[in-house]
Amino acid sequence: MKIWISDTQTPSHRLIRLNCEEHSDYHYLGDLNESELSSYFLDLKDDMNVDKNIKLLTYYGYLHIFLITKK
């Protein structure tokens, strides 16, 4: 699955937007299979529900992930 990404980081949070269609302000992440997506999600957060997020990305064609930065 071809994935484009927009990654915004602030001191309090990180917003990652994944999309299966090209957008002008997104960067090309790559043509990832399910195992590569799983490892990417687990690198972001080790207790993330990987299967659910892959299904959402496949069904809707986009996925927004909001991560709170703990101090």
Protein backbone atom coordinates (compact mmCIF):
# COMPACT_ATOMS: atom_id res chain seq x y z
CA MET A 1 0.00 0.00 0.00
CA LYS A 2 1.46 3.36 -1.01
CA ILE A 3 1.51 5.75 1.95
CA TRP A 4 2.06 9.51 2.19
CA ILE A 5 2.71 11.08 5.60
CA SER A 6 2.46 14.41 7.36
CA ASP A 7 4.16 14.47 10.76
CA THR A 8 3.71 17.48 13.07
CA GLN A 9 5.55 17.58 16.39
CA THR A 10 5.12 20.04 19.25
CA PRO A 11 6.42 19.90 22.83
CA SER A 12 3.08 18.48 24.03
CA HIS A 13 1.97 16.17 21.22
CA ARG A 14 2.66 14.59 17.84
CA LEU A 15 0.11 14.38 15.03
CA ILE A 16 0.78 11.86 12.28
CA ARG A 17 -1.47 11.85 9.22
CA LEU A 18 -1.22 8.88 6.88
CA ASN A 19 -2.95 8.90 3.52
CA CYS A 20 -3.15 6.45 0.62
CA GLU A 21 -3.41 9.29 -1.92
CA GLU A 22 -0.76 11.84 -2.80
CA HIS A 23 -1.14 15.30 -1.24
CA SER A 24 1.01 18.35 -1.83
CA ASP A 25 1.98 18.89 1.81
CA TYR A 26 2.60 15.19 2.55
CA HIS A 27 5.85 13.26 2.03
CA TYR A 28 6.00 9.83 0.42
CA LEU A 29 6.64 7.20 3.11
CA GLY A 30 6.80 4.22 0.78
CA ASP A 31 4.99 1.21 -0.61
CA LEU A 32 4.50 -0.71 2.64
CA ASN A 33 3.05 -4.16 3.20
CA GLU A 34 1.23 -5.15 6.41
CA SER A 35 4.34 -6.31 8.26
CA GLU A 36 6.18 -3.06 7.44
CA LEU A 37 3.14 -1.05 8.60
CA SER A 38 3.01 -3.11 11.80
CA SER A 39 6.63 -2.38 12.61
CA TYR A 40 6.12 1.32 11.79
CA PHE A 41 3.12 1.53 14.16
CA LEU A 42 4.97 -0.32 16.91
CA ASP A 43 7.93 2.06 16.54
CA LEU A 44 5.53 4.96 17.14
CA LYS A 45 3.93 3.41 20.22
CA ASP A 46 4.62 -0.08 21.50
CA ASP A 47 1.11 -0.75 22.86
CA MET A 48 -0.78 0.44 19.76
CA ASN A 49 -3.57 -1.73 18.34
CA VAL A 50 -1.81 -2.46 15.07
CA ASP A 51 -4.49 -4.64 13.43
CA LYS A 52 -7.21 -2.07 14.06
CA ASN A 53 -5.13 0.77 12.60
CA ILE A 54 -4.17 -1.21 9.50
CA LYS A 55 -7.84 -2.08 8.89
CA LEU A 56 -8.87 1.58 9.31
CA LEU A 57 -6.15 2.77 6.94
CA THR A 58 -7.09 0.14 4.37
CA TYR A 59 -10.84 0.84 4.59
CA TYR A 60 -10.87 4.65 4.75
CA GLY A 61 -7.63 5.39 2.89
CA TYR A 62 -6.35 7.67 5.63
CA LEU A 63 -5.49 7.53 9.33
CA HIS A 64 -4.70 10.24 11.86
CA ILE A 65 -2.67 9.28 14.92
CA PHE A 66 -2.47 11.64 17.90
CA LEU A 67 0.29 10.88 20.41
CA ILE A 68 0.66 12.81 23.67
CA THR A 69 4.23 13.52 24.72
CA LYS A 70 4.79 12.54 28.34
CA LYS A 71 7.23 14.56 30.38
